[in-house]
C-alpha atoms as a PDB file:
ATOM      1  CA  MET A   1      -7.951   1.941 -20.943  1.00  0.00           C
ATOM      2  CA  LYS A   2      -9.997  -1.027 -19.736  1.00  0.00           C
ATOM      3  CA  VAL A   3      -9.208  -1.703 -16.092  1.00  0.00           C
ATOM      4  CA  ALA A   4     -10.529  -4.004 -13.415  1.00  0.00           C
ATOM      5  CA  ILE A   5     -10.170  -3.839  -9.657  1.00  0.00           C
ATOM      6  CA  VAL A   6      -9.256  -6.909  -7.600  1.00  0.00           C
ATOM      7  CA  GLY A   7     -10.391  -6.596  -3.990  1.00  0.00           C
ATOM      8  CA  TYR A   8     -12.975  -4.245  -2.550  1.00  0.00           C
ATOM      9  CA  GLY A   9     -11.693  -2.966   0.751  1.00  0.00           C
ATOM     10  CA  ASN A  10     -10.846   0.681   1.376  1.00  0.00           C
ATOM     11  CA  VAL A  11      -8.342   0.930  -1.482  1.00  0.00           C
ATOM     12  CA  GLY A  12     -10.613  -1.001  -3.853  1.00  0.00           C
ATOM     13  CA  LYS A  13     -13.498   1.365  -3.141  1.00  0.00           C
ATOM     14  CA  ALA A  14     -11.233   4.380  -3.610  1.00  0.00           C
ATOM     15  CA  LEU A  15      -9.990   2.975  -6.935  1.00  0.00           C
ATOM     16  CA  LYS A  16     -13.566   2.589  -8.137  1.00  0.00           C
ATOM     17  CA  THR A  17     -14.215   6.248  -7.319  1.00  0.00           C
ATOM     18  CA  ILE A  18     -11.103   7.423  -9.180  1.00  0.00           C
ATOM     19  CA  VAL A  19     -11.639   5.220 -12.242  1.00  0.00           C
ATOM     20  CA  GLU A  20     -15.268   6.230 -12.634  1.00  0.00           C
ATOM     21  CA  ARG A  21     -14.233   9.908 -12.639  1.00  0.00           C
ATOM     22  CA  ASP A  22     -11.572   9.354 -15.287  1.00  0.00           C
ATOM     23  CA  GLU A  23     -12.746   9.700 -18.887  1.00  0.00           C
ATOM     24  CA  GLY A  24      -9.658   7.817 -20.046  1.00  0.00           C
ATOM     25  CA  MET A  25     -10.538   4.686 -18.078  1.00  0.00           C
ATOM     26  CA  GLN A  26     -13.340   2.146 -18.367  1.00  0.00           C
ATOM     27  CA  LEU A  27     -14.138  -0.074 -15.392  1.00  0.00           C
ATOM     28  CA  VAL A  28     -14.655  -3.624 -16.646  1.00  0.00           C
ATOM     29  CA  GLY A  29     -15.471  -5.027 -13.235  1.00  0.00           C
ATOM     30  CA  VAL A  30     -14.615  -5.521  -9.577  1.00  0.00           C
ATOM     31  CA  PHE A  31     -13.332  -9.010  -8.758  1.00  0.00           C
ATOM     32  CA  SER A  32     -13.918 -10.227  -5.232  1.00  0.00           C
ATOM     33  CA  ARG A  33     -14.200 -13.497  -3.319  1.00  0.00           C
ATOM     34  CA  ARG A  34     -17.027 -11.864  -1.365  1.00  0.00           C
ATOM     35  CA  LYS A  35     -20.335 -11.470  -3.141  1.00  0.00           C
ATOM     36  CA  LEU A  36     -20.781  -7.739  -3.644  1.00  0.00           C
ATOM     37  CA  SER A  37     -23.947  -5.769  -4.238  1.00  0.00           C
ATOM     38  CA  LEU A  38     -22.369  -3.974  -7.203  1.00  0.00           C
ATOM     39  CA  THR A  39     -23.416  -4.110 -10.829  1.00  0.00           C
ATOM     40  CA  GLU A  40     -19.673  -4.338 -11.639  1.00  0.00           C
ATOM     41  CA  TYR A  41     -19.129  -7.360  -9.367  1.00  0.00           C
ATOM     42  CA  ILE A  42     -17.437 -10.378 -10.928  1.00  0.00           C
ATOM     43  CA  PRO A  43     -16.655 -13.514  -8.881  1.00  0.00           C
ATOM     44  CA  PHE A  44     -12.912 -13.874  -8.307  1.00  0.00           C
ATOM     45  CA  ASP A  45     -12.882 -17.369  -9.813  1.00  0.00           C
ATOM     46  CA  GLU A  46     -13.840 -15.930 -13.200  1.00  0.00           C
ATOM     47  CA  LEU A  47     -10.640 -13.895 -13.467  1.00  0.00           C
ATOM     48  CA  PRO A  48      -8.901 -16.312 -15.920  1.00  0.00           C
ATOM     49  CA  ASN A  49     -11.767 -15.817 -18.394  1.00  0.00           C
ATOM     50  CA  TYR A  50     -10.864 -12.129 -18.712  1.00  0.00           C
ATOM     51  CA  ARG A  51      -7.310 -12.496 -20.000  1.00  0.00           C
ATOM     52  CA  GLY A  52      -7.072 -10.398 -23.154  1.00  0.00           C
ATOM     53  CA  LYS A  53     -10.198  -8.433 -22.236  1.00  0.00           C
ATOM     54  CA  ILE A  54      -8.609  -6.174 -19.602  1.00  0.00           C
ATOM     55  CA  ASP A  55      -5.713  -3.787 -20.155  1.00  0.00           C
ATOM     56  CA  THR A  56      -4.660  -3.505 -16.516  1.00  0.00           C
ATOM     57  CA  LEU A  57      -5.603  -5.118 -13.216  1.00  0.00           C
ATOM     58  CA  LEU A  58      -5.516  -2.793 -10.214  1.00  0.00           C
ATOM     59  CA  LEU A  59      -4.666  -5.059  -7.281  1.00  0.00           C
ATOM     60  CA  ALA A  60      -6.183  -3.848  -4.023  1.00  0.00           C
ATOM     61  CA  LEU A  61      -5.552  -6.935  -1.903  1.00  0.00           C
ATOM     62  CA  GLY A  62      -3.795  -6.980   1.462  1.00  0.00           C
ATOM     63  CA  SER A  63       0.001  -7.201   1.471  1.00  0.00           C
ATOM     64  CA  TYR A  64       0.256  -9.318   4.631  1.00  0.00           C
ATOM     65  CA  GLY A  65      -0.618 -12.462   2.680  1.00  0.00           C
ATOM     66  CA  ASP A  66      -3.588 -11.968   0.384  1.00  0.00           C
ATOM     67  CA  VAL A  67      -1.936 -10.631  -2.753  1.00  0.00           C
ATOM     68  CA  VAL A  68       0.955 -13.120  -2.564  1.00  0.00           C
ATOM     69  CA  GLU A  69      -1.302 -16.098  -1.912  1.00  0.00           C
ATOM     70  CA  ASN A  70      -3.353 -15.219  -4.988  1.00  0.00           C
ATOM     71  CA  ALA A  71      -0.490 -14.135  -7.239  1.00  0.00           C
ATOM     72  CA  GLN A  72      -0.829 -17.098  -9.620  1.00  0.00           C
ATOM     73  CA  ASN A  73      -4.237 -15.763 -10.644  1.00  0.00           C
ATOM     74  CA  PHE A  74      -2.645 -12.579 -12.039  1.00  0.00           C
ATOM     75  CA  ALA A  75      -0.339 -14.343 -14.508  1.00  0.00           C
ATOM     76  CA  GLY A  76      -0.958 -13.098 -18.031  1.00  0.00           C
ATOM     77  CA  PHE A  77      -2.261  -9.696 -16.918  1.00  0.00           C
ATOM     78  CA  ASP A  78      -0.619  -6.287 -16.709  1.00  0.00           C
ATOM     79  CA  THR A  79      -0.965  -5.226 -13.068  1.00  0.00           C
ATOM     80  CA  VAL A  80      -0.464  -2.285 -10.729  1.00  0.00           C
ATOM     81  CA  ASP A  81      -0.499  -2.725  -6.960  1.00  0.00           C
ATOM     82  CA  CYS A  82       0.313  -0.957  -3.699  1.00  0.00           C
ATOM     83  CA  PHE A  83       2.196  -3.773  -1.954  1.00  0.00           C
ATOM     84  CA  ASP A  84       3.444  -2.178   1.263  1.00  0.00           C
ATOM     85  CA  ASN A  85       5.523  -4.711   3.203  1.00  0.00           C
ATOM     86  CA  HIS A  86       8.931  -3.040   2.809  1.00  0.00           C
ATOM     87  CA  ALA A  87      10.898  -6.099   3.899  1.00  0.00           C
ATOM     88  CA  LYS A  88       9.274  -8.379   1.325  1.00  0.00           C
ATOM     89  CA  ILE A  89       9.050  -6.131  -1.736  1.00  0.00           C
ATOM     90  CA  SER A  90      12.059  -7.727  -3.440  1.00  0.00           C
ATOM     91  CA  ALA A  91      10.680 -11.255  -3.063  1.00  0.00           C
ATOM     92  CA  TYR A  92       7.213 -10.167  -4.184  1.00  0.00           C
ATOM     93  CA  LYS A  93       8.645  -8.306  -7.177  1.00  0.00           C
ATOM     94  CA  CYS A  94      10.607 -11.404  -8.170  1.00  0.00           C
ATOM     95  CA  LEU A  95       7.451 -13.531  -7.925  1.00  0.00           C
ATOM     96  CA  MET A  96       5.411 -11.168 -10.092  1.00  0.00           C
ATOM     97  CA  GLY A  97       8.259 -10.918 -12.586  1.00  0.00           C
ATOM     98  CA  LYS A  98       8.318 -14.685 -13.043  1.00  0.00           C
ATOM     99  CA  LEU A  99       4.543 -14.889 -13.395  1.00  0.00           C
ATOM    100  CA  ASN A 100       4.366 -11.993 -15.844  1.00  0.00           C
ATOM    101  CA  SER A 101       7.542 -12.309 -17.886  1.00  0.00           C
ATOM    102  CA  LYS A 102       5.598 -11.411 -21.040  1.00  0.00           C
ATOM    103  CA  ASN A 103       3.492  -8.753 -19.349  1.00  0.00           C
ATOM    104  CA  LEU A 104       4.278  -5.925 -16.942  1.00  0.00           C
ATOM    105  CA  SER A 105       3.588  -5.618 -13.230  1.00  0.00           C
ATOM    106  CA  ILE A 106       4.278  -2.312 -11.461  1.00  0.00           C
ATOM    107  CA  VAL A 107       4.605  -3.119  -7.765  1.00  0.00           C
ATOM    108  CA  ALA A 108       4.556  -1.047  -4.559  1.00  0.00           C
ATOM    109  CA  THR A 109       3.150   2.151  -6.069  1.00  0.00           C
ATOM    110  CA  GLY A 110       1.563   3.641  -2.967  1.00  0.00           C
ATOM    111  CA  TRP A 111       2.829   6.682  -1.119  1.00  0.00           C
ATOM    112  CA  ASP A 112       5.162   4.640   1.077  1.00  0.00           C
ATOM    113  CA  PRO A 113       6.575   2.466  -0.224  1.00  0.00           C
ATOM    114  CA  GLY A 114       6.116   4.332  -3.476  1.00  0.00           C
ATOM    115  CA  ILE A 115       6.615   8.024  -3.980  1.00  0.00           C
ATOM    116  CA  LEU A 116       8.479   8.420  -0.676  1.00  0.00           C
ATOM    117  CA  SER A 117      10.809   5.652  -1.879  1.00  0.00           C
ATOM    118  CA  VAL A 118      11.775   7.952  -4.759  1.00  0.00           C
ATOM    119  CA  VAL A 119      12.376  10.778  -2.287  1.00  0.00           C
ATOM    120  CA  ARG A 120      14.591   8.546  -0.134  1.00  0.00           C
ATOM    121  CA  ALA A 121      16.665   7.713  -3.211  1.00  0.00           C
ATOM    122  CA  LEU A 122      17.067  11.419  -4.034  1.00  0.00           C
ATOM    123  CA  PHE A 123      18.014  12.294  -0.455  1.00  0.00           C
ATOM    124  CA  HIS A 124      21.029   9.977  -0.237  1.00  0.00           C
ATOM    125  CA  PHE A 125      23.758  12.581   0.207  1.00  0.00           C
ATOM    126  CA  GLY A 126      26.119  10.533   2.321  1.00  0.00           C
ATOM    127  CA  THR A 127      23.801  10.172   5.315  1.00  0.00           C
ATOM    128  CA  PRO A 128      20.918   7.739   4.706  1.00  0.00           C
ATOM    129  CA  PRO A 129      17.512   9.444   5.041  1.00  0.00           C
ATOM    130  CA  THR A 130      14.974   8.681   7.748  1.00  0.00           C
ATOM    131  CA  THR A 131      11.227   8.225   7.279  1.00  0.00           C
ATOM    132  CA  ILE A 132       8.696   9.354   9.877  1.00  0.00           C
ATOM    133  CA  TRP A 133       5.119   8.157   9.472  1.00  0.00           C
ATOM    134  CA  GLY A 134       1.948   9.568  10.947  1.00  0.00           C
ATOM    135  CA  GLU A 135      -0.004  10.486  12.754  1.00  0.00           C
ATOM    136  CA  GLY A 136      -2.596   8.535  10.834  1.00  0.00           C
ATOM    137  CA  ILE A 137      -4.428   5.358   9.905  1.00  0.00           C
ATOM    138  CA  SER A 138      -2.395   2.587   8.280  1.00  0.00           C
ATOM    139  CA  GLN A 139      -4.190   0.545   5.619  1.00  0.00           C
ATOM    140  CA  GLY A 140      -1.631  -2.270   5.530  1.00  0.00           C
ATOM    141  CA  HIS A 141      -1.239  -2.657   9.283  1.00  0.00           C
ATOM    142  CA  SER A 142      -4.989  -2.558   9.804  1.00  0.00           C
ATOM    143  CA  ASN A 143      -5.382  -5.305   7.201  1.00  0.00           C
ATOM    144  CA  ALA A 144      -2.725  -7.374   8.993  1.00  0.00           C
ATOM    145  CA  LEU A 145      -4.738  -7.135  12.221  1.00  0.00           C
ATOM    146  CA  ARG A 146      -7.826  -8.452  10.478  1.00  0.00           C
ATOM    147  CA  THR A 147      -6.031 -11.569   9.213  1.00  0.00           C
ATOM    148  CA  ILE A 148      -5.917 -12.951  12.771  1.00  0.00           C
ATOM    149  CA  PRO A 149      -8.745 -15.543  12.933  1.00  0.00           C
ATOM    150  CA  GLN A 150     -10.203 -14.451  16.298  1.00  0.00           C
ATOM    151  CA  VAL A 151     -10.311 -10.776  15.283  1.00  0.00           C
ATOM    152  CA  ILE A 152     -13.745  -9.506  14.277  1.00  0.00           C
ATOM    153  CA  ASP A 153     -12.451  -6.122  13.140  1.00  0.00           C
ATOM    154  CA  GLY A 154      -9.466  -3.895  13.753  1.00  0.00           C
ATOM    155  CA  VAL A 155      -7.746  -0.675  12.829  1.00  0.00           C
ATOM    156  CA  GLN A 156      -4.222   0.608  13.495  1.00  0.00           C
ATOM    157  CA  PHE A 157      -2.863   4.129  13.876  1.00  0.00           C
ATOM    158  CA  THR A 158       0.809   5.055  13.554  1.00  0.00           C
ATOM    159  CA  LEU A 159       2.083   7.829  15.816  1.00  0.00           C
ATOM    160  CA  PRO A 160       5.586   9.344  15.690  1.00  0.00           C
ATOM    161  CA  VAL A 161       7.209   9.908  19.061  1.00  0.00           C
ATOM    162  CA  LYS A 162       7.159  13.546  20.181  1.00  0.00           C
ATOM    163  CA  ASN A 163      10.798  14.266  19.339  1.00  0.00           C
ATOM    164  CA  ALA A 164      10.939  12.137  16.175  1.00  0.00           C
ATOM    165  CA  THR A 165      12.222  14.941  13.929  1.00  0.00           C
ATOM    166  CA  ASP A 166      15.013  15.902  16.336  1.00  0.00           C
ATOM    167  CA  LEU A 167      15.992  12.254  16.698  1.00  0.00           C
ATOM    168  CA  ALA A 168      16.087  11.883  12.921  1.00  0.00           C
ATOM    169  CA  LYS A 169      18.224  15.019  12.531  1.00  0.00           C
ATOM    170  CA  ASN A 170      20.648  13.544  15.054  1.00  0.00           C
ATOM    171  CA  GLY A 171      21.000  10.354  13.038  1.00  0.00           C
ATOM    172  CA  GLN A 172      18.335   8.048  14.427  1.00  0.00           C
ATOM    173  CA  ARG A 173      17.099   5.915  11.519  1.00  0.00           C
ATOM    174  CA  ASP A 174      15.514   3.019  13.384  1.00  0.00           C
ATOM    175  CA  GLY A 175      11.786   3.327  12.717  1.00  0.00           C
ATOM    176  CA  GLN A 176      11.005   1.208  15.763  1.00  0.00           C
ATOM    177  CA  LYS A 177      12.462   3.928  17.973  1.00  0.00           C
ATOM    178  CA  LEU A 178      10.636   6.726  16.173  1.00  0.00           C
ATOM    179  CA  HIS A 179       7.082   5.401  16.184  1.00  0.00           C
ATOM    180  CA  LYS A 180       4.318   3.960  18.289  1.00  0.00           C
ATOM    181  CA  ARG A 181       1.616   1.700  16.900  1.00  0.00           C
ATOM    182  CA  VAL A 182      -1.840   1.757  18.473  1.00  0.00           C
ATOM    183  CA  CYS A 183      -4.197  -1.082  17.532  1.00  0.00           C
ATOM    184  CA  TYR A 184      -7.928  -0.956  18.206  1.00  0.00           C
ATOM    185  CA  VAL A 185      -9.297  -4.476  18.050  1.00  0.00           C
ATOM    186  CA  ALA A 186     -12.670  -6.155  18.390  1.00  0.00           C
ATOM    187  CA  CYS A 187     -12.255  -9.866  18.974  1.00  0.00           C
ATOM    188  CA  VAL A 188     -13.673 -12.953  20.658  1.00  0.00           C
ATOM    189  CA  GLU A 189     -13.635 -12.227  24.396  1.00  0.00           C
ATOM    190  CA  SER A 190     -11.888 -15.454  25.361  1.00  0.00           C
ATOM    191  CA  ALA A 191      -9.125 -14.882  22.785  1.00  0.00           C
ATOM    192  CA  LYS A 192      -7.920 -11.444  23.936  1.00  0.00           C
ATOM    193  CA  GLY A 193      -4.673 -12.703  25.437  1.00  0.00           C
ATOM    194  CA  ASP A 194      -3.782 -14.782  22.381  1.00  0.00           C
ATOM    195  CA  VAL A 195      -4.714 -11.959  19.999  1.00  0.00           C
ATOM    196  CA  GLU A 196      -2.555  -9.409  21.829  1.00  0.00           C
ATOM    197  CA  ARG A 197       0.433 -11.763  21.814  1.00  0.00           C
ATOM    198  CA  GLU A 198      -0.018 -12.536  18.127  1.00  0.00           C
ATOM    199  CA  ILE A 199      -0.251  -8.842  17.233  1.00  0.00           C
ATOM    200  CA  LYS A 200       2.836  -7.833  19.187  1.00  0.00           C
ATOM    201  CA  SER A 201       4.899 -10.677  17.718  1.00  0.00           C
ATOM    202  CA  MET A 202       3.826 -10.135  14.087  1.00  0.00           C
ATOM    203  CA  PRO A 203       7.063  -9.743  12.079  1.00  0.00           C
ATOM    204  CA  TYR A 204       7.564  -6.664   9.864  1.00  0.00           C
ATOM    205  CA  TYR A 205       4.391  -5.052  11.247  1.00  0.00           C
ATOM    206  CA  PHE A 206       4.419  -4.867  15.069  1.00  0.00           C
ATOM    207  CA  ASP A 207       7.286  -6.964  16.409  1.00  0.00           C
ATOM    208  CA  GLY A 208       9.919  -4.639  17.893  1.00  0.00           C
ATOM    209  CA  TYR A 209       7.655  -1.586  17.944  1.00  0.00           C
ATOM    210  CA  ASP A 210       6.073   0.101  20.946  1.00  0.00           C
ATOM    211  CA  THR A 211       2.673  -1.450  20.232  1.00  0.00           C
ATOM    212  CA  GLN A 212      -0.453  -0.783  22.246  1.00  0.00           C
ATOM    213  CA  VAL A 213      -3.495  -3.020  21.811  1.00  0.00           C
ATOM    214  CA  VAL A 214      -6.841  -1.531  22.841  1.00  0.00           C
ATOM    215  CA  PHE A 215      -9.818  -3.885  22.875  1.00  0.00           C
ATOM    216  CA  CYS A 216     -13.164  -2.375  21.970  1.00  0.00           C
ATOM    217  CA  THR A 217     -16.476  -3.162  20.291  1.00  0.00           C
ATOM    218  CA  PRO A 218     -16.984  -3.616  16.528  1.00  0.00           C
ATOM    219  CA  GLN A 219     -19.047  -0.417  16.563  1.00  0.00           C
ATOM    220  CA  GLU A 220     -16.148   1.527  18.085  1.00  0.00           C
ATOM    221  CA  VAL A 221     -13.759   0.139  15.466  1.00  0.00           C
ATOM    222  CA  ARG A 222     -16.113   1.178  12.647  1.00  0.00           C
ATOM    223  CA  LYS A 223     -16.224   4.697  14.068  1.00  0.00           C
ATOM    224  CA  LEU A 224     -12.425   4.869  14.269  1.00  0.00           C
ATOM    225  CA  LYS A 225     -12.168   3.752  10.642  1.00  0.00           C
ATOM    226  CA  GLN A 226     -13.822   7.030   9.657  1.00  0.00           C
ATOM    227  CA  LYS A 227     -10.521   8.739  10.518  1.00  0.00           C
ATOM    228  CA  THR A 228      -8.903   8.367   7.102  1.00  0.00           C
ATOM    229  CA  ALA A 229      -5.997  10.835   7.293  1.00  0.00           C
ATOM    230  CA  HIS A 230      -2.302   9.971   7.288  1.00  0.00           C
ATOM    231  CA  ALA A 231       1.061  11.641   6.735  1.00  0.00           C
ATOM    232  CA  GLY A 232       4.716  10.916   6.149  1.00  0.00           C
ATOM    233  CA  ARG A 233       8.064  12.713   6.099  1.00  0.00           C
ATOM    234  CA  VAL A 234      11.490  11.865   4.731  1.00  0.00           C
ATOM    235  CA  VAL A 235      14.293  13.630   6.573  1.00  0.00           C
ATOM    236  CA  ALA A 236      17.997  13.802   5.715  1.00  0.00           C
ATOM    237  CA  SER A 237      20.571  15.902   7.543  1.00  0.00           C
ATOM    238  CA  GLY A 238      24.310  16.210   7.209  1.00  0.00           C
ATOM    239  CA  ASP A 239      27.227  18.606   7.275  1.00  0.00           C
ATOM    240  CA  GLY A 240      25.628  21.959   6.516  1.00  0.00           C
ATOM    241  CA  PHE A 241      22.329  20.751   5.029  1.00  0.00           C
ATOM    242  CA  HIS A 242      18.870  19.530   5.954  1.00  0.00           C
ATOM    243  CA  CYS A 243      16.358  18.067   3.477  1.00  0.00           C
ATOM    244  CA  GLU A 244      12.765  17.265   4.267  1.00  0.00           C
ATOM    245  CA  ALA A 245       9.831  16.126   2.133  1.00  0.00           C
ATOM    246  CA  ARG A 246       6.298  15.855   3.464  1.00  0.00           C
ATOM    247  CA  VAL A 247       3.172  14.057   2.349  1.00  0.00           C
ATOM    248  CA  SER A 248      -0.116  14.845   4.074  1.00  0.00           C
ATOM    249  CA  MET A 249      -3.438  13.381   3.006  1.00  0.00           C
ATOM    250  CA  GLN A 250      -6.986  13.597   4.251  1.00  0.00           C
ATOM    251  CA  ASN A 251      -7.772  10.127   2.914  1.00  0.00           C
ATOM    252  CA  ASN A 252      -5.028   7.501   2.863  1.00  0.00           C
ATOM    253  CA  ALA A 253      -6.881   5.063   0.591  1.00  0.00           C
ATOM    254  CA  LEU A 254      -7.945   7.725  -1.901  1.00  0.00           C
ATOM    255  CA  PHE A 255      -4.425   9.112  -2.260  1.00  0.00           C
ATOM    256  CA  THR A 256      -3.053   5.587  -2.707  1.00  0.00           C
ATOM    257  CA  ALA A 257      -5.660   4.960  -5.413  1.00  0.00           C
ATOM    258  CA  LYS A 258      -4.672   8.159  -7.231  1.00  0.00           C
ATOM    259  CA  ILE A 259      -1.050   7.049  -7.283  1.00  0.00           C
ATOM    260  CA  MET A 260      -1.978   3.585  -8.538  1.00  0.00           C
ATOM    261  CA  THR A 261      -4.083   4.916 -11.410  1.00  0.00           C
ATOM    262  CA  ARG A 262      -1.322   7.336 -12.418  1.00  0.00           C
ATOM    263  CA  TYR A 263       1.090   4.427 -12.774  1.00  0.00           C
ATOM    264  CA  ALA A 264      -1.568   2.431 -14.623  1.00  0.00           C
ATOM    265  CA  LYS A 265      -1.765   5.220 -17.190  1.00  0.00           C
ATOM    266  CA  ILE A 266       1.941   5.115 -17.962  1.00  0.00           C
ATOM    267  CA  LEU A 267       2.077   1.308 -18.126  1.00  0.00           C
ATOM    268  CA  PRO A 268       1.358   1.087 -21.910  1.00  0.00           C
ATOM    269  CA  LYS A 269       4.213   3.513 -22.655  1.00  0.00           C
ATOM    270  CA  LEU A 270       6.567   1.520 -20.451  1.00  0.00           C
ATOM    271  CA  LYS A 271       5.670  -1.682 -22.292  1.00  0.00           C
ATOM    272  CA  ALA A 272       6.123   0.023 -25.643  1.00  0.00           C
ATOM    273  CA  ASP A 273       9.612   1.038 -24.495  1.00  0.00           C
ATOM    274  CA  GLY A 274      10.518  -2.540 -23.603  1.00  0.00           C
ATOM    275  CA  TYR A 275       9.692  -2.873 -19.921  1.00  0.00           C
ATOM    276  CA  LEU A 276       8.461  -6.402 -19.094  1.00  0.00           C
ATOM    277  CA  GLY A 277       8.259  -8.570 -16.009  1.00  0.00           C
ATOM    278  CA  ALA A 278       8.039  -6.601 -12.768  1.00  0.00           C
ATOM    279  CA  VAL A 279       9.290  -3.135 -11.874  1.00  0.00           C
ATOM    280  CA  ASP A 280       8.956  -0.885  -8.871  1.00  0.00           C
ATOM    281  CA  VAL A 281       8.938   2.903  -8.701  1.00  0.00           C
ATOM    282  CA  LEU A 282      12.733   3.129  -8.535  1.00  0.00           C
ATOM    283  CA  ASP A 283      13.013   1.318 -11.871  1.00  0.00           C
ATOM    284  CA  ILE A 284      10.826   3.862 -13.659  1.00  0.00           C
ATOM    285  CA  PRO A 285      12.409   7.145 -14.793  1.00  0.00           C
ATOM    286  CA  PRO A 286      10.342  10.009 -13.307  1.00  0.00           C
ATOM    287  CA  ARG A 287       9.994  11.530 -16.788  1.00  0.00           C
ATOM    288  CA  TYR A 288       7.265   8.977 -17.520  1.00  0.00           C
ATOM    289  CA  LEU A 289       5.130  10.591 -14.811  1.00  0.00           C
ATOM    290  CA  THR A 290       5.470  14.148 -16.082  1.00  0.00           C
ATOM    291  CA  GLU A 291       3.130  15.903 -18.471  1.00  0.00           C
ATOM    292  CA  ASN A 292       4.762  16.575 -21.865  1.00  0.00           C
ATOM    293  CA  ASN A 293       8.225  15.845 -20.415  1.00  0.00           C
ATOM    294  CA  VAL A 294       8.258  19.242 -18.699  1.00  0.00           C
ATOM    295  CA  LEU A 295      10.909  19.653 -15.997  1.00  0.00           C
END
């Protein structure tokens, strides 16, 4: 399978590592708007010239705006991405479906949204399940911080409140009441007040959450970025039962990349079976992900 990576942040770098280890995949190139010191680097503007030469594009762009703003460039390609803005997945899926009506785009294939979305679907036994994230580094929220013009660098950690599991068992499903978001930000000194206000009012990411903004140096942010672990739980409780699924990873980006490449591998089979346009993980029967259809 000939694949190319679009974007070279943490997930893009992790994808490169996974693809290069996989004998069933060939890395055609890494597309980026930044000039990269990689032999595989291809300028982003050259992407249209590669239609028909790449089996699947692995999209590793930020969900806050980057991947949507550049979506037109992916028309005519099969794609897999890890779009992670829960509130906007439906609109994004619709957009990719219109752009790729004759191809296939698998959207939101990370661990959450993604595989934990499948768990949430399975755990609907009358009482809707609750998701608890963390403690760990959030790729999407960190990217959202860095889109603010005055921000030099930033990283965000998601922390569940101390009694999150008990609250969830007692029916609390509001994620804003179950989590705290801590943002470490290096920015222009004179812009600190504006940056903090913009972070705390950012819809779908920080607005409504208990959000703490800690200003620090770029060097301190780079050191914090070395903490790559994350975790998540889906909890469902009801009359006489309790269900819980856990995901724990040492490297958030690497685990996300593994999930993306797994879905990339099943994409040809999905197309052969008639899937076109855009699908998410809930549209794909889990049997496609199993080895030899073994239950």
